[in-house]
Each structure stands twice: as C-alpha cells, then as structure tokens.
Amino acid sequence: MIDAGKTYLVMGLLDSESMAFAIGKTIQAFGGKVIYTVQNPAYKKRFLDRSQDLAENELAALDFRYCDITRDQEVAALFDELRTVSGIVHSIAYANPHTCLGQELHTDAIADILLSHHISCVSLATVLRHAAPVLTPGSSVVALTFDTSHVYPQYNWMGVQKAALEALVRALARRHGRDGIRVNAVSAGPLWTKAASKIPGFDELTRLWDRNSPLGWNVHQDKQAVADAVTFLLGPRAARITGQILAVDGGAAIMGGPLMDHEHPGRRDGR
C-alpha cells in the first residue's frame, strides 16, 4: 500500500496503545521506515517508557523526535533535520476535559478552547508549512478526525475542533495540490486509547456505535482497520485522492437512527 523503503513521519505518539503506534506498526509491516514524534521527554517517560506491552528492545528500536506542536520553532527544527519525507500522519488532538468536554457546552475558559483549537486543528497547517519543502512529489498527509455530521453528548468543543480540522484538510488540499501533496483525513469510530479514556461519556459513545454500526464496531480491535485506511491514503494507490474525509466507523455515521433488532451484525437469519 505504501512505497517500501521510504520514510513516513507519524506525529503524536503517546504509548503503545495509541492510534499513532498502530499506524506506525502498519506502515512498517508494508516496508516503510517510521519516525515518530513525542511531545516532550516527560511524556515519553510517563507514558511510552511505562507501556506494559512494549518490550525493552522494541522501545529501544523506536525512532522518534521530540516536537511540541504549539512551538513553531520546534516544528521548523524537526523538518530541517528530517530533510526528506514521503508521508505524514497527524494523530494529534487535545481538549481540557474539565472545561471543553462534559455535560455543559458553555464555558468561560476561552484560553482552553483556543489551546484546543491550536493543537487539534491549526497544528496541521503548521506542519504542512514547514514540511512542504521536504515532502517528496506524490507524498501524502493524513489527519485523524471523528464524525462531524452529528453532535455527540459531552464531546462539545472537540467536535467543533474536528469540524474545523476537516475544513482545514480541504483548504490545505487545494493549497498544496500545486506541490503534488495530497491531504486527507480518516474519520474513525471511537477507539480505546489513554487519551480517549479521558473523554467524559466515552462509554456512552461506544454504546452508540454498538447500536448504530451496520458492520459492528470494536473499540479495542478496530484500530487495525483505521491504520490500514491511513496507510492506504499514504500510498501511491490513492494517488488522485485529496481533500477527502474517509469514514472508517462500521457505517455508524450514515445511520438515521439505531439498528433494528433484525439488523444487528450476526443476525443473518433475520430473527
């Protein structure tokens, strides 16, 4: 699905259960070289170094750079060092769960909203501004988003940021078409990660997917389906796809209400 032997940057690694790690492992399985970014040494020590299912030799083999996406100089330095990259994955988002998520949308924590917007949306443009000179012709950038055609309980300002991110994907696709760079996003169903576990009402989101997905959805196992879709968009078989939001969610986002009893996955006999 990708060009074997080429280098791909996966931004936003937290630990071995993160979506960034699943994507990186999939790229490697198809022969790509992966470089990860981690926000800072403290995050690496707190999360990545303590990953229970990552052996010491696997941790030592990871190629990573530190990059705080809110610091323009760190992003610039990252791409000055890397020189040549064939694809980038933007697996970065943040919202303060105490002020931007939860039962009440309204908040006076404007600084928190702006920080969330910077990290979850604007950072994609920052990355492309600095990365464009080192991205090879035909390269691809893929961001991760979440269904923005519906409003979900307690997701609040992160839903707003994801909608802005999708608009930015389209704007960047238009801007960088002249450079031969494709920009897309994958809209995944809810997946269990340490970051997702901090979302108030995450369990309710998973129950919505249980009721609404024609193909079914597993918050633990379907990371691979998402990673496969991201890897496809990174590669040459997606050469004329840009500015698109690809839903990998078991079909839940198309639904006009919950599945009826006879429609649930596995109920092939209609009973």
C-alpha atoms as a PDB file:
ATOM      1  CA  MET A   1       0.000   0.000   0.000  1.00  0.00           C
ATOM      2  CA  ILE A   2       2.948   2.334   0.538  1.00  0.00           C
ATOM      3  CA  ASP A   3       6.360   2.724  -1.047  1.00  0.00           C
ATOM      4  CA  ALA A   4       8.636   0.280   0.763  1.00  0.00           C
ATOM      5  CA  GLY A   5      11.887   1.749   1.986  1.00  0.00           C
ATOM      6  CA  LYS A   6      10.610   5.329   2.172  1.00  0.00           C
ATOM      7  CA  THR A   7      10.306   7.389   5.348  1.00  0.00           C
ATOM      8  CA  TYR A   8       6.996   8.286   6.977  1.00  0.00           C
ATOM      9  CA  LEU A   9       6.521  10.611   9.944  1.00  0.00           C
ATOM     10  CA  VAL A  10       3.838   9.679  12.492  1.00  0.00           C
ATOM     11  CA  MET A  11       3.148  12.608  14.799  1.00  0.00           C
ATOM     12  CA  GLY A  12       1.539  12.289  18.219  1.00  0.00           C
ATOM     13  CA  LEU A  13       2.872   9.065  19.739  1.00  0.00           C
ATOM     14  CA  LEU A  14       1.804   8.693  23.372  1.00  0.00           C
ATOM     15  CA  ASP A  15       2.165   4.985  24.189  1.00  0.00           C
ATOM     16  CA  SER A  16       1.885   1.535  22.633  1.00  0.00           C
ATOM     17  CA  GLU A  17      -1.925   1.666  22.814  1.00  0.00           C
ATOM     18  CA  SER A  18      -2.191   4.925  20.878  1.00  0.00           C
ATOM     19  CA  MET A  19      -3.529   5.149  17.351  1.00  0.00           C
ATOM     20  CA  ALA A  20      -0.200   6.614  16.250  1.00  0.00           C
ATOM     21  CA  PHE A  21       1.597   3.438  17.312  1.00  0.00           C
ATOM     22  CA  ALA A  22      -0.887   1.183  15.471  1.00  0.00           C
ATOM     23  CA  ILE A  23      -0.434   3.245  12.307  1.00  0.00           C
ATOM     24  CA  GLY A  24       3.339   3.197  12.605  1.00  0.00           C
ATOM     25  CA  LYS A  25       3.415  -0.586  13.009  1.00  0.00           C
ATOM     26  CA  THR A  26       1.214  -0.980   9.930  1.00  0.00           C
ATOM     27  CA  ILE A  27       3.479   1.249   7.838  1.00  0.00           C
ATOM     28  CA  GLN A  28       6.439  -0.830   8.955  1.00  0.00           C
ATOM     29  CA  ALA A  29       4.604  -4.044   8.042  1.00  0.00           C
ATOM     30  CA  PHE A  30       4.428  -2.781   4.452  1.00  0.00           C
ATOM     31  CA  GLY A  31       8.119  -1.949   4.391  1.00  0.00           C
ATOM     32  CA  GLY A  32       8.137   1.719   5.303  1.00  0.00           C
ATOM     33  CA  LYS A  33      10.540   3.396   7.695  1.00  0.00           C
ATOM     34  CA  VAL A  34       8.738   5.181  10.538  1.00  0.00           C
ATOM     35  CA  ILE A  35       9.827   8.161  12.584  1.00  0.00           C
ATOM     36  CA  TYR A  36       7.536   9.153  15.441  1.00  0.00           C
ATOM     37  CA  THR A  37       7.169  12.435  17.273  1.00  0.00           C
ATOM     38  CA  VAL A  38       6.612  12.599  21.020  1.00  0.00           C
ATOM     39  CA  GLN A  39       5.625  15.880  22.660  1.00  0.00           C
ATOM     40  CA  ASN A  40       8.472  16.034  25.179  1.00  0.00           C
ATOM     41  CA  PRO A  41      10.775  13.871  27.350  1.00  0.00           C
ATOM     42  CA  ALA A  42       8.350  13.993  30.289  1.00  0.00           C
ATOM     43  CA  TYR A  43       5.561  12.472  28.174  1.00  0.00           C
ATOM     44  CA  LYS A  44       7.896   9.757  26.919  1.00  0.00           C
ATOM     45  CA  LYS A  45       8.934   8.836  30.439  1.00  0.00           C
ATOM     46  CA  ARG A  46       5.391   8.949  31.814  1.00  0.00           C
ATOM     47  CA  PHE A  47       3.576   7.084  29.036  1.00  0.00           C
ATOM     48  CA  LEU A  48       5.800   5.399  26.456  1.00  0.00           C
ATOM     49  CA  ASP A  49       8.515   4.108  28.786  1.00  0.00           C
ATOM     50  CA  ARG A  50       5.873   2.583  31.048  1.00  0.00           C
ATOM     51  CA  SER A  51       3.938   0.807  28.288  1.00  0.00           C
ATOM     52  CA  GLN A  52       3.219  -2.634  29.721  1.00  0.00           C
ATOM     53  CA  ASP A  53       3.086  -4.475  26.391  1.00  0.00           C
ATOM     54  CA  LEU A  54       6.205  -2.930  24.820  1.00  0.00           C
ATOM     55  CA  ALA A  55       9.371  -4.944  25.345  1.00  0.00           C
ATOM     56  CA  GLU A  56      12.577  -3.115  26.200  1.00  0.00           C
ATOM     57  CA  ASN A  57      14.177  -3.977  22.849  1.00  0.00           C
ATOM     58  CA  GLU A  58      11.052  -2.749  20.988  1.00  0.00           C
ATOM     59  CA  LEU A  59      11.177   0.545  22.851  1.00  0.00           C
ATOM     60  CA  ALA A  60      14.869   0.936  22.101  1.00  0.00           C
ATOM     61  CA  ALA A  61      14.234   0.301  18.396  1.00  0.00           C
ATOM     62  CA  LEU A  62      11.739   3.169  18.056  1.00  0.00           C
ATOM     63  CA  ASP A  63      12.990   6.111  16.010  1.00  0.00           C
ATOM     64  CA  PHE A  64      11.456   9.260  17.435  1.00  0.00           C
ATOM     65  CA  ARG A  65      11.938  13.008  17.748  1.00  0.00           C
ATOM     66  CA  TYR A  66      10.596  15.407  20.347  1.00  0.00           C
ATOM     67  CA  CYS A  67       8.224  18.042  18.983  1.00  0.00           C
ATOM     68  CA  ASP A  68       5.750  20.276  20.797  1.00  0.00           C
ATOM     69  CA  ILE A  69       3.331  21.153  18.040  1.00  0.00           C
ATOM     70  CA  THR A  70       2.472  24.505  19.659  1.00  0.00           C
ATOM     71  CA  ARG A  71       6.092  25.687  19.339  1.00  0.00           C
ATOM     72  CA  ASP A  72       6.726  26.830  15.803  1.00  0.00           C
ATOM     73  CA  GLN A  73      10.495  26.693  16.218  1.00  0.00           C
ATOM     74  CA  GLU A  74      10.341  23.016  17.237  1.00  0.00           C
ATOM     75  CA  VAL A  75       8.285  22.103  14.158  1.00  0.00           C
ATOM     76  CA  ALA A  76      10.706  24.021  11.915  1.00  0.00           C
ATOM     77  CA  ALA A  77      13.706  22.299  13.505  1.00  0.00           C
ATOM     78  CA  LEU A  78      12.100  18.892  13.063  1.00  0.00           C
ATOM     79  CA  PHE A  79      11.784  19.239   9.302  1.00  0.00           C
ATOM     80  CA  ASP A  80      15.193  20.874   8.966  1.00  0.00           C
ATOM     81  CA  GLU A  81      16.591  17.687  10.476  1.00  0.00           C
ATOM     82  CA  LEU A  82      14.499  15.168   8.524  1.00  0.00           C
ATOM     83  CA  ARG A  83      15.219  16.529   5.034  1.00  0.00           C
ATOM     84  CA  THR A  84      13.098  14.005   3.040  1.00  0.00           C
ATOM     85  CA  VAL A  85       9.711  12.510   4.000  1.00  0.00           C
ATOM     86  CA  SER A  86       7.189  10.622   1.835  1.00  0.00           C
ATOM     87  CA  GLY A  87       4.178  10.967   4.119  1.00  0.00           C
ATOM     88  CA  ILE A  88       2.969  12.418   7.413  1.00  0.00           C
ATOM     89  CA  VAL A  89       0.311  11.244   9.843  1.00  0.00           C
ATOM     90  CA  HIS A  90      -1.205  13.901  12.114  1.00  0.00           C
ATOM     91  CA  SER A  91      -2.512  11.974  15.131  1.00  0.00           C
ATOM     92  CA  ILE A  92      -2.744  14.930  17.486  1.00  0.00           C
ATOM     93  CA  ALA A  93      -5.695  16.376  19.396  1.00  0.00           C
ATOM     94  CA  TYR A  94      -6.370  17.846  22.820  1.00  0.00           C
ATOM     95  CA  ALA A  95      -9.170  19.430  24.814  1.00  0.00           C
ATOM     96  CA  ASN A  96      -9.205  20.065  28.540  1.00  0.00           C
ATOM     97  CA  PRO A  97     -11.802  17.531  29.735  1.00  0.00           C
ATOM     98  CA  HIS A  98     -12.808  19.748  32.667  1.00  0.00           C
ATOM     99  CA  THR A  99     -13.680  22.825  30.597  1.00  0.00           C
ATOM    100  CA  CYS A 100     -14.081  21.835  26.926  1.00  0.00           C
ATOM    101  CA  LEU A 101     -15.860  18.492  27.375  1.00  0.00           C
ATOM    102  CA  GLY A 102     -18.624  17.250  29.653  1.00  0.00           C
ATOM    103  CA  GLN A 103     -22.279  17.920  30.282  1.00  0.00           C
ATOM    104  CA  GLU A 104     -22.199  21.692  29.616  1.00  0.00           C
ATOM    105  CA  LEU A 105     -21.059  23.210  26.328  1.00  0.00           C
ATOM    106  CA  HIS A 106     -20.869  26.806  27.568  1.00  0.00           C
ATOM    107  CA  THR A 107     -17.675  27.842  29.323  1.00  0.00           C
ATOM    108  CA  ASP A 108     -15.700  30.991  30.024  1.00  0.00           C
ATOM    109  CA  ALA A 109     -12.427  29.047  29.631  1.00  0.00           C
ATOM    110  CA  ILE A 110     -11.625  30.734  26.340  1.00  0.00           C
ATOM    111  CA  ALA A 111      -7.902  30.109  26.700  1.00  0.00           C
ATOM    112  CA  ASP A 112      -8.591  26.370  26.908  1.00  0.00           C
ATOM    113  CA  ILE A 113     -10.741  26.500  23.764  1.00  0.00           C
ATOM    114  CA  LEU A 114      -8.023  28.384  21.891  1.00  0.00           C
ATOM    115  CA  LEU A 115      -5.344  25.936  23.020  1.00  0.00           C
ATOM    116  CA  SER A 116      -7.525  23.036  21.896  1.00  0.00           C
ATOM    117  CA  HIS A 117      -8.016  24.720  18.518  1.00  0.00           C
ATOM    118  CA  HIS A 118      -4.284  25.306  18.153  1.00  0.00           C
ATOM    119  CA  ILE A 119      -3.331  21.711  18.948  1.00  0.00           C
ATOM    120  CA  SER A 120      -6.226  19.891  17.278  1.00  0.00           C
ATOM    121  CA  CYS A 121      -6.591  21.974  14.119  1.00  0.00           C
ATOM    122  CA  VAL A 122      -4.109  24.783  13.445  1.00  0.00           C
ATOM    123  CA  SER A 123      -1.136  22.490  14.084  1.00  0.00           C
ATOM    124  CA  LEU A 124      -1.886  20.617  10.852  1.00  0.00           C
ATOM    125  CA  ALA A 125      -1.278  23.817   8.883  1.00  0.00           C
ATOM    126  CA  THR A 126       1.883  24.497  10.895  1.00  0.00           C
ATOM    127  CA  VAL A 127       3.177  21.050   9.991  1.00  0.00           C
ATOM    128  CA  LEU A 128       2.487  21.473   6.285  1.00  0.00           C
ATOM    129  CA  ARG A 129       4.001  24.950   6.181  1.00  0.00           C
ATOM    130  CA  HIS A 130       7.316  23.578   7.401  1.00  0.00           C
ATOM    131  CA  ALA A 131       7.058  20.118   5.818  1.00  0.00           C
ATOM    132  CA  ALA A 132       6.188  21.084   2.243  1.00  0.00           C
ATOM    133  CA  PRO A 133       9.826  21.669   1.164  1.00  0.00           C
ATOM    134  CA  VAL A 134      10.884  18.194   2.347  1.00  0.00           C
ATOM    135  CA  LEU A 135       7.856  16.193   1.190  1.00  0.00           C
ATOM    136  CA  THR A 136       8.653  14.234  -1.961  1.00  0.00           C
ATOM    137  CA  PRO A 137       6.435  14.574  -5.085  1.00  0.00           C
ATOM    138  CA  GLY A 138       3.338  12.409  -4.723  1.00  0.00           C
ATOM    139  CA  SER A 139       3.550  12.454  -0.935  1.00  0.00           C
ATOM    140  CA  SER A 140       0.552  12.410   1.379  1.00  0.00           C
ATOM    141  CA  VAL A 141      -0.572  13.892   4.676  1.00  0.00           C
ATOM    142  CA  VAL A 142      -3.326  12.159   6.672  1.00  0.00           C
ATOM    143  CA  ALA A 143      -5.069  13.554   9.750  1.00  0.00           C
ATOM    144  CA  LEU A 144      -7.376  11.735  12.155  1.00  0.00           C
ATOM    145  CA  THR A 145     -10.852  13.057  12.801  1.00  0.00           C
ATOM    146  CA  PHE A 146     -14.213  11.985  14.228  1.00  0.00           C
ATOM    147  CA  ASP A 147     -17.704  12.194  12.758  1.00  0.00           C
ATOM    148  CA  THR A 148     -18.682  15.878  12.466  1.00  0.00           C
ATOM    149  CA  SER A 149     -22.044  15.380  10.765  1.00  0.00           C
ATOM    150  CA  HIS A 150     -23.685  14.669  14.125  1.00  0.00           C
ATOM    151  CA  VAL A 151     -23.460  16.208  17.588  1.00  0.00           C
ATOM    152  CA  TYR A 152     -22.423  13.761  20.293  1.00  0.00           C
ATOM    153  CA  PRO A 153     -23.103  14.028  24.023  1.00  0.00           C
ATOM    154  CA  GLN A 154     -20.296  15.616  26.057  1.00  0.00           C
ATOM    155  CA  TYR A 155     -17.913  15.829  23.076  1.00  0.00           C
ATOM    156  CA  ASN A 156     -18.660  19.572  22.886  1.00  0.00           C
ATOM    157  CA  TRP A 157     -15.664  21.677  21.826  1.00  0.00           C
ATOM    158  CA  MET A 158     -13.676  18.748  20.478  1.00  0.00           C
ATOM    159  CA  GLY A 159     -16.493  18.219  17.987  1.00  0.00           C
ATOM    160  CA  VAL A 160     -16.089  21.845  16.955  1.00  0.00           C
ATOM    161  CA  GLN A 161     -12.312  21.431  16.586  1.00  0.00           C
ATOM    162  CA  LYS A 162     -12.734  18.312  14.450  1.00  0.00           C
ATOM    163  CA  ALA A 163     -15.137  20.177  12.157  1.00  0.00           C
ATOM    164  CA  ALA A 164     -12.540  22.930  11.808  1.00  0.00           C
ATOM    165  CA  LEU A 165      -9.847  20.315  11.147  1.00  0.00           C
ATOM    166  CA  GLU A 166     -11.890  18.825   8.290  1.00  0.00           C
ATOM    167  CA  ALA A 167     -12.361  22.268   6.742  1.00  0.00           C
ATOM    168  CA  LEU A 168      -8.613  22.812   7.046  1.00  0.00           C
ATOM    169  CA  VAL A 169      -7.913  19.473   5.333  1.00  0.00           C
ATOM    170  CA  ARG A 170      -9.878  20.680   2.315  1.00  0.00           C
ATOM    171  CA  ALA A 171      -8.172  24.087   2.310  1.00  0.00           C
ATOM    172  CA  LEU A 172      -4.714  22.514   2.555  1.00  0.00           C
ATOM    173  CA  ALA A 173      -5.564  20.025  -0.190  1.00  0.00           C
ATOM    174  CA  ARG A 174      -6.330  22.935  -2.506  1.00  0.00           C
ATOM    175  CA  ARG A 175      -3.232  24.890  -1.491  1.00  0.00           C
ATOM    176  CA  HIS A 176      -0.767  22.024  -1.795  1.00  0.00           C
ATOM    177  CA  GLY A 177      -2.110  20.384  -4.920  1.00  0.00           C
ATOM    178  CA  ARG A 178       0.367  22.510  -6.893  1.00  0.00           C
ATOM    179  CA  ASP A 179       3.150  20.897  -4.843  1.00  0.00           C
ATOM    180  CA  GLY A 180       1.960  17.373  -5.610  1.00  0.00           C
ATOM    181  CA  ILE A 181       0.991  16.843  -1.955  1.00  0.00           C
ATOM    182  CA  ARG A 182      -2.270  15.134  -1.076  1.00  0.00           C
ATOM    183  CA  VAL A 183      -4.094  15.979   2.178  1.00  0.00           C
ATOM    184  CA  ASN A 184      -6.870  13.772   3.560  1.00  0.00           C
ATOM    185  CA  ALA A 185      -8.363  12.622   6.848  1.00  0.00           C
ATOM    186  CA  VAL A 186      -9.723   9.377   8.249  1.00  0.00           C
ATOM    187  CA  SER A 187     -12.838   9.671  10.397  1.00  0.00           C
ATOM    188  CA  ALA A 188     -12.654   6.752  12.820  1.00  0.00           C
ATOM    189  CA  GLY A 189     -15.237   5.366  15.151  1.00  0.00           C
ATOM    190  CA  PRO A 190     -14.452   5.559  18.877  1.00  0.00           C
ATOM    191  CA  LEU A 191     -11.274   3.662  19.758  1.00  0.00           C
ATOM    192  CA  TRP A 192      -9.946   2.945  23.228  1.00  0.00           C
ATOM    193  CA  THR A 193      -6.726   4.790  23.978  1.00  0.00           C
ATOM    194  CA  LYS A 194      -5.459   6.503  27.112  1.00  0.00           C
ATOM    195  CA  ALA A 195      -6.392   9.848  25.571  1.00  0.00           C
ATOM    196  CA  ALA A 196      -9.899   8.669  24.650  1.00  0.00           C
ATOM    197  CA  SER A 197     -10.445   7.308  28.154  1.00  0.00           C
ATOM    198  CA  LYS A 198     -10.290  10.901  29.436  1.00  0.00           C
ATOM    199  CA  ILE A 199     -13.307  11.928  27.332  1.00  0.00           C
ATOM    200  CA  PRO A 200     -16.365  12.259  29.577  1.00  0.00           C
ATOM    201  CA  GLY A 201     -19.066   9.917  28.344  1.00  0.00           C
ATOM    202  CA  PHE A 202     -16.685   7.808  26.245  1.00  0.00           C
ATOM    203  CA  ASP A 203     -18.533   4.648  27.309  1.00  0.00           C
ATOM    204  CA  GLU A 204     -21.769   6.149  26.015  1.00  0.00           C
ATOM    205  CA  LEU A 205     -20.110   6.866  22.664  1.00  0.00           C
ATOM    206  CA  THR A 206     -19.105   3.225  22.400  1.00  0.00           C
ATOM    207  CA  ARG A 207     -22.667   2.145  23.190  1.00  0.00           C
ATOM    208  CA  LEU A 208     -23.944   4.418  20.407  1.00  0.00           C
ATOM    209  CA  TRP A 209     -21.630   2.629  17.981  1.00  0.00           C
ATOM    210  CA  ASP A 210     -22.859  -0.750  19.256  1.00  0.00           C
ATOM    211  CA  ARG A 211     -26.421   0.295  18.431  1.00  0.00           C
ATOM    212  CA  ASN A 212     -25.706   2.088  15.146  1.00  0.00           C
ATOM    213  CA  SER A 213     -22.993   0.237  13.204  1.00  0.00           C
ATOM    214  CA  PRO A 214     -24.280  -1.988  10.373  1.00  0.00           C
ATOM    215  CA  LEU A 215     -20.913  -3.779  10.270  1.00  0.00           C
ATOM    216  CA  GLY A 216     -20.341  -3.702  14.006  1.00  0.00           C
ATOM    217  CA  TRP A 217     -17.542  -1.900  15.810  1.00  0.00           C
ATOM    218  CA  ASN A 218     -14.982  -2.962  18.392  1.00  0.00           C
ATOM    219  CA  VAL A 219     -13.265  -0.129  20.274  1.00  0.00           C
ATOM    220  CA  HIS A 220     -10.256  -2.333  21.032  1.00  0.00           C
ATOM    221  CA  GLN A 221      -9.800  -4.353  17.847  1.00  0.00           C
ATOM    222  CA  ASP A 222     -10.755  -1.943  15.065  1.00  0.00           C
ATOM    223  CA  LYS A 223      -7.622   0.186  15.386  1.00  0.00           C
ATOM    224  CA  GLN A 224      -6.197  -2.028  12.669  1.00  0.00           C
ATOM    225  CA  ALA A 225      -8.972  -1.157  10.224  1.00  0.00           C
ATOM    226  CA  VAL A 226      -8.240   2.527  10.800  1.00  0.00           C
ATOM    227  CA  ALA A 227      -4.481   2.018  10.493  1.00  0.00           C
ATOM    228  CA  ASP A 228      -4.998   0.163   7.194  1.00  0.00           C
ATOM    229  CA  ALA A 229      -7.073   3.048   5.800  1.00  0.00           C
ATOM    230  CA  VAL A 230      -4.469   5.622   6.828  1.00  0.00           C
ATOM    231  CA  THR A 231      -1.713   3.548   5.238  1.00  0.00           C
ATOM    232  CA  PHE A 232      -3.737   3.280   2.012  1.00  0.00           C
ATOM    233  CA  LEU A 233      -4.131   7.067   1.836  1.00  0.00           C
ATOM    234  CA  LEU A 234      -0.397   7.493   2.377  1.00  0.00           C
ATOM    235  CA  GLY A 235       0.461   5.277  -0.573  1.00  0.00           C
ATOM    236  CA  PRO A 236       0.519   5.536  -4.382  1.00  0.00           C
ATOM    237  CA  ARG A 237      -2.763   3.642  -4.873  1.00  0.00           C
ATOM    238  CA  ALA A 238      -4.510   6.743  -3.501  1.00  0.00           C
ATOM    239  CA  ALA A 239      -2.659   8.976  -5.972  1.00  0.00           C
ATOM    240  CA  ARG A 240      -5.699  11.015  -7.056  1.00  0.00           C
ATOM    241  CA  ILE A 241      -7.451  11.262  -3.712  1.00  0.00           C
ATOM    242  CA  THR A 242      -7.157  14.576  -1.877  1.00  0.00           C
ATOM    243  CA  GLY A 243      -9.312  16.778   0.324  1.00  0.00           C
ATOM    244  CA  GLN A 244     -11.425  13.802   1.397  1.00  0.00           C
ATOM    245  CA  ILE A 245     -12.714  12.558   4.744  1.00  0.00           C
ATOM    246  CA  LEU A 246     -12.744   8.758   4.679  1.00  0.00           C
ATOM    247  CA  ALA A 247     -15.084   7.250   7.284  1.00  0.00           C
ATOM    248  CA  VAL A 248     -13.853   4.033   8.884  1.00  0.00           C
ATOM    249  CA  ASP A 249     -16.528   3.539  11.515  1.00  0.00           C
ATOM    250  CA  GLY A 250     -18.516   0.405  10.737  1.00  0.00           C
ATOM    251  CA  GLY A 251     -21.057   2.570   8.904  1.00  0.00           C
ATOM    252  CA  ALA A 252     -22.394   4.319  12.009  1.00  0.00           C
ATOM    253  CA  ALA A 253     -22.113   7.852  10.592  1.00  0.00           C
ATOM    254  CA  ILE A 254     -24.615   7.130   7.792  1.00  0.00           C
ATOM    255  CA  MET A 255     -27.350   5.912  10.089  1.00  0.00           C
ATOM    256  CA  GLY A 256     -30.628   7.730  10.645  1.00  0.00           C
ATOM    257  CA  GLY A 257     -31.261   6.050  13.973  1.00  0.00           C
ATOM    258  CA  PRO A 258     -30.261   2.845  15.747  1.00  0.00           C
ATOM    259  CA  LEU A 259     -30.259  -0.572  14.119  1.00  0.00           C
ATOM    260  CA  MET A 260     -33.449  -2.588  14.428  1.00  0.00           C
ATOM    261  CA  ASP A 261     -33.208  -5.954  16.134  1.00  0.00           C
ATOM    262  CA  HIS A 262     -33.003  -7.939  12.902  1.00  0.00           C
ATOM    263  CA  GLU A 263     -30.253  -5.657  11.512  1.00  0.00           C
ATOM    264  CA  HIS A 264     -27.571  -6.272  14.119  1.00  0.00           C
ATOM    265  CA  PRO A 265     -24.343  -7.919  12.914  1.00  0.00           C
ATOM    266  CA  GLY A 266     -24.589 -11.691  13.149  1.00  0.00           C
ATOM    267  CA  ARG A 267     -28.389 -11.755  12.863  1.00  0.00           C
ATOM    268  CA  ARG A 268     -28.265 -13.190   9.344  1.00  0.00           C
ATOM    269  CA  ASP A 269     -31.468 -15.172   9.774  1.00  0.00           C
ATOM    270  CA  GLY A 270     -33.497 -12.007  10.346  1.00  0.00           C
ATOM    271  CA  ARG A 271     -34.649 -13.189  13.778  1.00  0.00           C
END
